[in-house]
Amino acid sequence: MEKIAKNHTIFIHGQESSSQGNKAVFFRELFPEMIIPDFVGDVSTRMLKLKKILVDKKGIIMIGSSLGGLMAALYAFQNQDRMKKLILLAPAINLPDFSAYLSKKLTLPVYIFHGKHDEIIPLKAIQAIAENVFTDLTFTVMEDDHRLSRTFTSIDWPQLLGSA
């Protein structure tokens, strides 16, 4: 079957990170075509920039880490028809910015990786929210903390990003 839309993969870093953070550097080396912008400011400022970057793109695979996970989830709910897959790393979907979506459903494939020992974004709260709003969810608890620095590279990224 011929693909109609070209895939666009983007990584959205967390609040304290940048396009030069460990995850961004890892992705840039493994997937040089990946879009890896810098975001600063509050969530609404960051979301405006994200929307501008993706204005003409479809078939989007979005990876978001922590606050970037919140941004990715917000974008996915607002642009589900342009999305192919959502991958969230310890997403901050417990923040008030996400509350408008707690009673909604997202049907595209969502993969969440969350550290068992995360002391910044609470695992149980995120898992409960995710199981409620994402109908096609794969939730993986990692033997790690919030940054997933011990287990991040063990995820099969080529397989995860290559399949729909």
N, C-alpha and C. Protein backbone atom coordinates (compact mmCIF):
# COMPACT_ATOMS: atom_id res chain seq x y z
N MET A 1 0.84 -1.19 0.00
CA MET A 1 0.00 0.00 0.00
C MET A 1 0.89 1.25 0.00
N GLU A 2 0.56 2.18 -0.85
CA GLU A 2 1.35 3.40 -0.97
C GLU A 2 1.00 4.38 0.14
N LYS A 3 2.05 4.98 0.72
CA LYS A 3 1.81 5.97 1.77
C LYS A 3 1.38 7.28 1.14
N ILE A 4 0.34 7.87 1.69
CA ILE A 4 -0.19 9.11 1.15
C ILE A 4 0.56 10.31 1.71
N ALA A 5 0.80 10.31 3.01
CA ALA A 5 1.48 11.45 3.64
C ALA A 5 2.87 11.03 4.13
N LYS A 6 3.81 11.93 3.97
CA LYS A 6 5.15 11.68 4.47
C LYS A 6 5.13 11.84 5.99
N ASN A 7 5.84 10.97 6.67
CA ASN A 7 5.89 11.09 8.13
C ASN A 7 6.80 12.22 8.55
N HIS A 8 6.39 12.89 9.57
CA HIS A 8 7.20 13.94 10.19
C HIS A 8 7.33 13.58 11.65
N THR A 9 8.54 13.37 12.11
CA THR A 9 8.78 13.02 13.50
C THR A 9 9.40 14.22 14.20
N ILE A 10 8.85 14.54 15.37
CA ILE A 10 9.33 15.68 16.14
C ILE A 10 9.53 15.26 17.59
N PHE A 11 10.60 15.76 18.20
CA PHE A 11 10.86 15.55 19.62
C PHE A 11 10.69 16.87 20.35
N ILE A 12 9.89 16.85 21.41
CA ILE A 12 9.65 18.04 22.23
C ILE A 12 10.27 17.80 23.61
N HIS A 13 11.30 18.56 23.92
CA HIS A 13 12.02 18.40 25.19
C HIS A 13 11.20 18.91 26.37
N GLY A 14 11.67 18.61 27.57
CA GLY A 14 11.01 19.04 28.79
C GLY A 14 11.37 20.47 29.17
N GLN A 15 10.79 20.92 30.27
CA GLN A 15 10.95 22.30 30.70
C GLN A 15 12.39 22.71 30.96
N GLU A 16 13.17 21.84 31.57
CA GLU A 16 14.54 22.18 31.94
C GLU A 16 15.56 21.76 30.88
N SER A 17 15.09 21.28 29.75
CA SER A 17 16.00 20.77 28.73
C SER A 17 16.02 21.68 27.50
N SER A 18 16.62 21.17 26.42
CA SER A 18 16.71 21.93 25.17
C SER A 18 16.99 20.96 24.03
N SER A 19 17.24 21.53 22.86
CA SER A 19 17.58 20.69 21.71
C SER A 19 18.99 20.12 21.85
N GLN A 20 19.68 20.49 22.90
CA GLN A 20 21.03 19.98 23.17
C GLN A 20 21.05 18.99 24.34
N GLY A 21 19.87 18.66 24.88
CA GLY A 21 19.79 17.71 25.98
C GLY A 21 20.13 16.29 25.54
N ASN A 22 20.29 15.40 26.51
CA ASN A 22 20.69 14.02 26.21
C ASN A 22 19.76 13.31 25.24
N LYS A 23 18.45 13.43 25.44
CA LYS A 23 17.49 12.75 24.56
C LYS A 23 17.55 13.35 23.15
N ALA A 24 17.61 14.68 23.07
CA ALA A 24 17.67 15.33 21.76
C ALA A 24 18.92 14.93 20.99
N VAL A 25 20.05 14.89 21.68
CA VAL A 25 21.32 14.49 21.04
C VAL A 25 21.22 13.04 20.56
N PHE A 26 20.65 12.18 21.39
CA PHE A 26 20.46 10.77 21.04
C PHE A 26 19.61 10.65 19.77
N PHE A 27 18.47 11.35 19.75
CA PHE A 27 17.58 11.29 18.58
C PHE A 27 18.25 11.86 17.33
N ARG A 28 18.97 12.95 17.48
CA ARG A 28 19.61 13.59 16.32
C ARG A 28 20.63 12.64 15.69
N GLU A 29 21.35 11.89 16.53
CA GLU A 29 22.34 10.95 16.00
C GLU A 29 21.67 9.77 15.31
N LEU A 30 20.59 9.26 15.90
CA LEU A 30 19.92 8.07 15.37
C LEU A 30 18.98 8.41 14.21
N PHE A 31 18.32 9.57 14.30
CA PHE A 31 17.34 9.99 13.30
C PHE A 31 17.62 11.44 12.88
N PRO A 32 18.60 11.66 11.99
CA PRO A 32 19.00 13.02 11.63
C PRO A 32 17.88 13.86 11.02
N GLU A 33 16.85 13.22 10.49
CA GLU A 33 15.75 13.95 9.87
C GLU A 33 14.71 14.44 10.89
N MET A 34 14.84 14.00 12.15
CA MET A 34 13.87 14.37 13.18
C MET A 34 13.90 15.88 13.44
N ILE A 35 12.72 16.46 13.61
CA ILE A 35 12.60 17.88 13.97
C ILE A 35 12.82 17.98 15.47
N ILE A 36 13.83 18.79 15.88
CA ILE A 36 14.16 18.91 17.31
C ILE A 36 14.36 20.39 17.65
N PRO A 37 13.26 21.12 17.85
CA PRO A 37 13.37 22.55 18.13
C PRO A 37 13.61 22.83 19.62
N ASP A 38 13.95 24.08 19.91
CA ASP A 38 14.03 24.55 21.29
C ASP A 38 12.74 25.25 21.65
N PHE A 39 12.30 25.07 22.88
CA PHE A 39 11.10 25.74 23.38
C PHE A 39 11.44 26.45 24.69
N VAL A 40 10.95 27.68 24.83
CA VAL A 40 11.10 28.44 26.07
C VAL A 40 9.76 29.11 26.38
N GLY A 41 9.61 29.55 27.62
CA GLY A 41 8.40 30.26 28.00
C GLY A 41 7.36 29.34 28.60
N ASP A 42 6.16 29.89 28.78
CA ASP A 42 5.08 29.11 29.37
C ASP A 42 4.48 28.17 28.31
N VAL A 43 3.54 27.35 28.76
CA VAL A 43 2.98 26.33 27.87
C VAL A 43 2.32 26.96 26.64
N SER A 44 1.57 28.05 26.82
CA SER A 44 0.89 28.64 25.65
C SER A 44 1.89 29.20 24.64
N THR A 45 2.98 29.79 25.10
CA THR A 45 4.03 30.30 24.21
C THR A 45 4.68 29.14 23.45
N ARG A 46 4.95 28.07 24.18
CA ARG A 46 5.56 26.89 23.56
C ARG A 46 4.62 26.26 22.53
N MET A 47 3.32 26.22 22.86
CA MET A 47 2.35 25.62 21.94
C MET A 47 2.21 26.45 20.66
N LEU A 48 2.27 27.75 20.75
CA LEU A 48 2.23 28.60 19.55
C LEU A 48 3.39 28.28 18.63
N LYS A 49 4.57 28.12 19.20
CA LYS A 49 5.75 27.79 18.39
C LYS A 49 5.58 26.41 17.75
N LEU A 50 5.10 25.44 18.52
CA LEU A 50 4.90 24.09 18.01
C LEU A 50 3.92 24.10 16.83
N LYS A 51 2.82 24.83 16.97
CA LYS A 51 1.83 24.90 15.89
C LYS A 51 2.42 25.53 14.63
N LYS A 52 3.27 26.52 14.79
CA LYS A 52 3.92 27.15 13.63
C LYS A 52 4.86 26.17 12.93
N ILE A 53 5.61 25.41 13.72
CA ILE A 53 6.55 24.43 13.15
C ILE A 53 5.81 23.36 12.34
N LEU A 54 4.64 22.95 12.82
CA LEU A 54 3.91 21.83 12.20
C LEU A 54 2.75 22.27 11.31
N VAL A 55 2.68 23.54 11.00
CA VAL A 55 1.52 24.10 10.30
C VAL A 55 1.15 23.35 9.01
N ASP A 56 2.11 22.87 8.25
CA ASP A 56 1.81 22.23 6.97
C ASP A 56 2.11 20.73 6.96
N LYS A 57 2.20 20.13 8.14
CA LYS A 57 2.62 18.74 8.22
C LYS A 57 1.48 17.81 8.63
N LYS A 58 1.51 16.59 8.07
CA LYS A 58 0.56 15.54 8.43
C LYS A 58 1.36 14.25 8.64
N GLY A 59 0.71 13.23 9.16
CA GLY A 59 1.42 11.98 9.42
C GLY A 59 2.47 12.15 10.50
N ILE A 60 2.17 12.97 11.49
CA ILE A 60 3.15 13.35 12.52
C ILE A 60 3.29 12.26 13.57
N ILE A 61 4.54 11.91 13.85
CA ILE A 61 4.87 11.08 15.01
C ILE A 61 5.53 12.03 16.00
N MET A 62 4.93 12.16 17.16
CA MET A 62 5.40 13.14 18.13
C MET A 62 5.90 12.44 19.39
N ILE A 63 7.10 12.84 19.80
CA ILE A 63 7.69 12.34 21.04
C ILE A 63 7.80 13.52 21.98
N GLY A 64 7.24 13.40 23.16
CA GLY A 64 7.31 14.49 24.13
C GLY A 64 7.78 14.00 25.48
N SER A 65 8.70 14.74 26.08
CA SER A 65 9.26 14.38 27.37
C SER A 65 8.82 15.37 28.45
N SER A 66 8.20 14.88 29.51
CA SER A 66 7.78 15.67 30.66
C SER A 66 6.85 16.81 30.23
N LEU A 67 7.26 18.08 30.35
CA LEU A 67 6.42 19.18 29.88
C LEU A 67 6.21 19.06 28.37
N GLY A 68 7.21 18.55 27.65
CA GLY A 68 7.06 18.29 26.22
C GLY A 68 6.01 17.21 25.96
N GLY A 69 5.85 16.29 26.91
CA GLY A 69 4.80 15.28 26.81
C GLY A 69 3.42 15.90 26.96
N LEU A 70 3.31 16.85 27.87
CA LEU A 70 2.06 17.60 28.00
C LEU A 70 1.75 18.32 26.69
N MET A 71 2.76 19.01 26.13
CA MET A 71 2.58 19.72 24.86
C MET A 71 2.16 18.77 23.74
N ALA A 72 2.81 17.63 23.67
CA ALA A 72 2.50 16.65 22.63
C ALA A 72 1.06 16.15 22.76
N ALA A 73 0.64 15.88 24.00
CA ALA A 73 -0.73 15.42 24.22
C ALA A 73 -1.74 16.50 23.86
N LEU A 74 -1.47 17.74 24.24
CA LEU A 74 -2.36 18.85 23.89
C LEU A 74 -2.47 18.97 22.37
N TYR A 75 -1.31 18.94 21.69
CA TYR A 75 -1.30 19.06 20.23
C TYR A 75 -2.10 17.91 19.60
N ALA A 76 -1.89 16.71 20.09
CA ALA A 76 -2.56 15.53 19.54
C ALA A 76 -4.08 15.65 19.67
N PHE A 77 -4.56 16.09 20.82
CA PHE A 77 -6.01 16.27 21.00
C PHE A 77 -6.55 17.34 20.05
N GLN A 78 -5.78 18.39 19.82
CA GLN A 78 -6.23 19.50 18.98
C GLN A 78 -6.06 19.22 17.49
N ASN A 79 -5.23 18.23 17.14
CA ASN A 79 -4.90 17.95 15.73
C ASN A 79 -4.85 16.45 15.44
N GLN A 80 -5.80 15.72 15.97
CA GLN A 80 -5.76 14.26 15.86
C GLN A 80 -5.69 13.79 14.40
N ASP A 81 -6.32 14.50 13.49
CA ASP A 81 -6.34 14.11 12.09
C ASP A 81 -4.98 14.26 11.41
N ARG A 82 -4.06 14.99 12.02
CA ARG A 82 -2.73 15.20 11.44
C ARG A 82 -1.69 14.29 12.08
N MET A 83 -2.10 13.54 13.08
CA MET A 83 -1.18 12.72 13.87
C MET A 83 -1.21 11.27 13.40
N LYS A 84 -0.04 10.62 13.56
CA LYS A 84 0.07 9.19 13.28
C LYS A 84 0.26 8.42 14.59
N LYS A 85 1.08 8.97 15.48
CA LYS A 85 1.44 8.26 16.71
C LYS A 85 1.95 9.27 17.73
N LEU A 86 1.71 8.95 19.00
CA LEU A 86 2.14 9.80 20.10
C LEU A 86 2.97 8.96 21.06
N ILE A 87 4.18 9.45 21.38
CA ILE A 87 5.07 8.75 22.30
C ILE A 87 5.41 9.73 23.42
N LEU A 88 5.05 9.36 24.63
CA LEU A 88 5.21 10.27 25.77
C LEU A 88 6.16 9.67 26.80
N LEU A 89 7.11 10.49 27.25
CA LEU A 89 8.09 10.08 28.25
C LEU A 89 7.80 10.85 29.53
N ALA A 90 7.31 10.15 30.55
CA ALA A 90 6.94 10.78 31.83
C ALA A 90 6.18 12.09 31.59
N PRO A 91 5.05 12.02 30.86
CA PRO A 91 4.35 13.23 30.45
C PRO A 91 3.66 13.94 31.62
N ALA A 92 3.72 15.26 31.62
CA ALA A 92 3.13 16.07 32.68
C ALA A 92 1.65 16.34 32.41
N ILE A 93 0.90 15.28 32.11
CA ILE A 93 -0.53 15.44 31.79
C ILE A 93 -1.38 15.57 33.05
N ASN A 94 -0.72 15.68 34.20
CA ASN A 94 -1.43 15.94 35.45
C ASN A 94 -1.51 17.44 35.75
N LEU A 95 -0.92 18.27 34.89
CA LEU A 95 -0.95 19.72 35.10
C LEU A 95 -2.29 20.31 34.67
N PRO A 96 -2.66 21.46 35.22
CA PRO A 96 -3.96 22.07 34.90
C PRO A 96 -4.17 22.33 33.40
N ASP A 97 -3.11 22.55 32.63
CA ASP A 97 -3.23 22.80 31.19
C ASP A 97 -3.96 21.66 30.47
N PHE A 98 -3.91 20.46 31.05
CA PHE A 98 -4.51 19.28 30.40
C PHE A 98 -5.94 19.02 30.86
N SER A 99 -6.41 19.74 31.88
CA SER A 99 -7.70 19.42 32.50
C SER A 99 -8.88 19.45 31.53
N ALA A 100 -8.83 20.29 30.49
CA ALA A 100 -9.92 20.36 29.51
C ALA A 100 -10.07 19.06 28.72
N TYR A 101 -9.05 18.21 28.74
CA TYR A 101 -9.08 16.97 27.93
C TYR A 101 -9.34 15.72 28.77
N LEU A 102 -9.52 15.88 30.07
CA LEU A 102 -9.70 14.72 30.95
C LEU A 102 -10.98 13.93 30.64
N SER A 103 -11.95 14.57 30.03
CA SER A 103 -13.19 13.86 29.70
C SER A 103 -13.28 13.52 28.22
N LYS A 104 -12.18 13.71 27.49
CA LYS A 104 -12.16 13.42 26.05
C LYS A 104 -11.39 12.13 25.79
N LYS A 105 -11.45 11.64 24.56
CA LYS A 105 -10.75 10.42 24.17
C LYS A 105 -9.89 10.68 22.95
N LEU A 106 -8.68 10.13 22.98
CA LEU A 106 -7.76 10.20 21.84
C LEU A 106 -7.61 8.78 21.31
N THR A 107 -7.89 8.57 20.02
CA THR A 107 -7.93 7.20 19.49
C THR A 107 -6.67 6.76 18.77
N LEU A 108 -5.71 7.67 18.51
CA LEU A 108 -4.50 7.23 17.81
C LEU A 108 -3.58 6.46 18.78
N PRO A 109 -2.63 5.69 18.24
CA PRO A 109 -1.74 4.91 19.11
C PRO A 109 -0.89 5.83 20.01
N VAL A 110 -0.91 5.52 21.30
CA VAL A 110 -0.13 6.28 22.29
C VAL A 110 0.74 5.31 23.06
N TYR A 111 2.03 5.65 23.15
CA TYR A 111 3.00 4.85 23.91
C TYR A 111 3.54 5.75 25.01
N ILE A 112 3.44 5.28 26.25
CA ILE A 112 3.98 6.05 27.38
C ILE A 112 5.04 5.21 28.08
N PHE A 113 6.17 5.86 28.36
CA PHE A 113 7.25 5.27 29.14
C PHE A 113 7.41 6.15 30.37
N HIS A 114 7.29 5.52 31.55
CA HIS A 114 7.33 6.31 32.79
C HIS A 114 8.18 5.58 33.82
N GLY A 115 9.03 6.31 34.50
CA GLY A 115 9.90 5.72 35.51
C GLY A 115 9.14 5.33 36.77
N LYS A 116 9.43 4.14 37.26
CA LYS A 116 8.81 3.64 38.49
C LYS A 116 9.16 4.53 39.68
N HIS A 117 10.33 5.16 39.64
CA HIS A 117 10.81 5.97 40.77
C HIS A 117 10.76 7.47 40.46
N ASP A 118 9.83 7.87 39.62
CA ASP A 118 9.68 9.29 39.24
C ASP A 118 9.15 10.07 40.44
N GLU A 119 9.92 11.03 40.92
CA GLU A 119 9.49 11.86 42.04
C GLU A 119 9.01 13.24 41.59
N ILE A 120 8.99 13.48 40.29
CA ILE A 120 8.56 14.78 39.75
C ILE A 120 7.15 14.69 39.18
N ILE A 121 6.91 13.71 38.33
CA ILE A 121 5.58 13.47 37.74
C ILE A 121 5.11 12.12 38.27
N PRO A 122 4.05 12.11 39.10
CA PRO A 122 3.63 10.87 39.78
C PRO A 122 3.09 9.79 38.83
N LEU A 123 3.74 8.64 38.87
CA LEU A 123 3.41 7.52 38.00
C LEU A 123 1.94 7.14 38.07
N LYS A 124 1.42 6.89 39.27
CA LYS A 124 0.04 6.40 39.40
C LYS A 124 -0.98 7.39 38.84
N ALA A 125 -0.77 8.67 39.09
CA ALA A 125 -1.69 9.70 38.57
C ALA A 125 -1.65 9.73 37.05
N ILE A 126 -0.45 9.66 36.48
CA ILE A 126 -0.31 9.69 35.02
C ILE A 126 -0.94 8.45 34.40
N GLN A 127 -0.70 7.31 35.01
CA GLN A 127 -1.26 6.07 34.46
C GLN A 127 -2.79 6.10 34.48
N ALA A 128 -3.37 6.61 35.56
CA ALA A 128 -4.83 6.69 35.66
C ALA A 128 -5.39 7.63 34.59
N ILE A 129 -4.78 8.79 34.42
CA ILE A 129 -5.24 9.74 33.39
C ILE A 129 -5.09 9.11 32.01
N ALA A 130 -3.92 8.54 31.74
CA ALA A 130 -3.64 7.95 30.42
C ALA A 130 -4.64 6.85 30.08
N GLU A 131 -4.92 5.97 31.04
CA GLU A 131 -5.84 4.87 30.77
C GLU A 131 -7.25 5.38 30.51
N ASN A 132 -7.57 6.55 31.02
CA ASN A 132 -8.90 7.14 30.81
C ASN A 132 -9.02 7.85 29.46
N VAL A 133 -8.00 8.55 29.03
CA VAL A 133 -8.13 9.40 27.82
C VAL A 133 -7.56 8.80 26.54
N PHE A 134 -6.64 7.86 26.64
CA PHE A 134 -6.03 7.27 25.45
C PHE A 134 -6.62 5.88 25.21
N THR A 135 -7.35 5.70 24.12
CA THR A 135 -8.04 4.43 23.89
C THR A 135 -7.13 3.35 23.30
N ASP A 136 -6.01 3.73 22.68
CA ASP A 136 -5.06 2.78 22.09
C ASP A 136 -3.72 3.01 22.78
N LEU A 137 -3.62 2.57 24.03
CA LEU A 137 -2.49 2.90 24.90
C LEU A 137 -1.60 1.70 25.19
N THR A 138 -0.29 1.93 25.08
CA THR A 138 0.71 0.99 25.57
C THR A 138 1.49 1.74 26.64
N PHE A 139 1.35 1.33 27.89
CA PHE A 139 1.97 2.03 29.02
C PHE A 139 3.06 1.14 29.60
N THR A 140 4.30 1.62 29.56
CA THR A 140 5.43 0.84 30.04
C THR A 140 6.07 1.53 31.24
N VAL A 141 6.12 0.80 32.35
CA VAL A 141 6.78 1.32 33.55
C VAL A 141 8.24 0.87 33.50
N MET A 142 9.14 1.86 33.58
CA MET A 142 10.57 1.60 33.47
C MET A 142 11.19 1.60 34.87
N GLU A 143 12.24 0.82 35.05
CA GLU A 143 13.00 0.79 36.31
C GLU A 143 13.94 2.00 36.28
N ASP A 144 13.37 3.18 36.54
CA ASP A 144 14.12 4.42 36.36
C ASP A 144 13.42 5.55 37.11
N ASP A 145 13.98 6.76 37.01
CA ASP A 145 13.39 7.94 37.63
C ASP A 145 12.75 8.81 36.55
N HIS A 146 12.50 10.08 36.86
CA HIS A 146 11.80 10.96 35.92
C HIS A 146 12.54 11.14 34.59
N ARG A 147 13.84 11.27 34.64
CA ARG A 147 14.60 11.56 33.43
C ARG A 147 14.77 10.35 32.51
N LEU A 148 14.48 9.16 33.02
CA LEU A 148 14.63 7.91 32.25
C LEU A 148 16.05 7.76 31.70
N SER A 149 17.02 8.34 32.38
CA SER A 149 18.39 8.35 31.85
C SER A 149 19.03 6.96 31.82
N ARG A 150 18.59 6.05 32.67
CA ARG A 150 19.16 4.70 32.66
C ARG A 150 18.52 3.80 31.61
N THR A 151 17.28 4.05 31.26
CA THR A 151 16.55 3.12 30.40
C THR A 151 16.15 3.69 29.04
N PHE A 152 16.27 4.97 28.86
CA PHE A 152 15.82 5.64 27.63
C PHE A 152 16.40 5.00 26.36
N THR A 153 17.69 4.74 26.36
CA THR A 153 18.32 4.19 25.15
C THR A 153 18.00 2.71 24.93
N SER A 154 17.41 2.05 25.94
CA SER A 154 17.05 0.64 25.78
C SER A 154 15.71 0.47 25.04
N ILE A 155 14.97 1.55 24.87
CA ILE A 155 13.71 1.49 24.12
C ILE A 155 14.07 1.23 22.64
N ASP A 156 13.30 0.38 21.99
CA ASP A 156 13.56 0.06 20.59
C ASP A 156 13.01 1.18 19.70
N TRP A 157 13.76 2.28 19.64
CA TRP A 157 13.31 3.46 18.91
C TRP A 157 13.12 3.22 17.41
N PRO A 158 14.03 2.52 16.73
CA PRO A 158 13.80 2.28 15.30
C PRO A 158 12.48 1.55 15.03
N GLN A 159 12.16 0.55 15.85
CA GLN A 159 10.91 -0.18 15.69
C GLN A 159 9.73 0.72 16.03
N LEU A 160 9.82 1.43 17.13
CA LEU A 160 8.72 2.27 17.60
C LEU A 160 8.40 3.39 16.62
N LEU A 161 9.41 3.98 16.04
CA LEU A 161 9.20 5.08 15.11
C LEU A 161 8.91 4.61 13.69
N GLY A 162 9.28 3.37 13.40
CA GLY A 162 9.11 2.87 12.04
C GLY A 162 7.77 2.23 11.76
N SER A 163 7.07 1.82 12.81
CA SER A 163 5.80 1.14 12.58
C SER A 163 4.63 2.02 13.03
N ALA A 164 3.48 1.75 12.48
CA ALA A 164 2.30 2.58 12.82
C ALA A 164 1.39 1.86 13.77
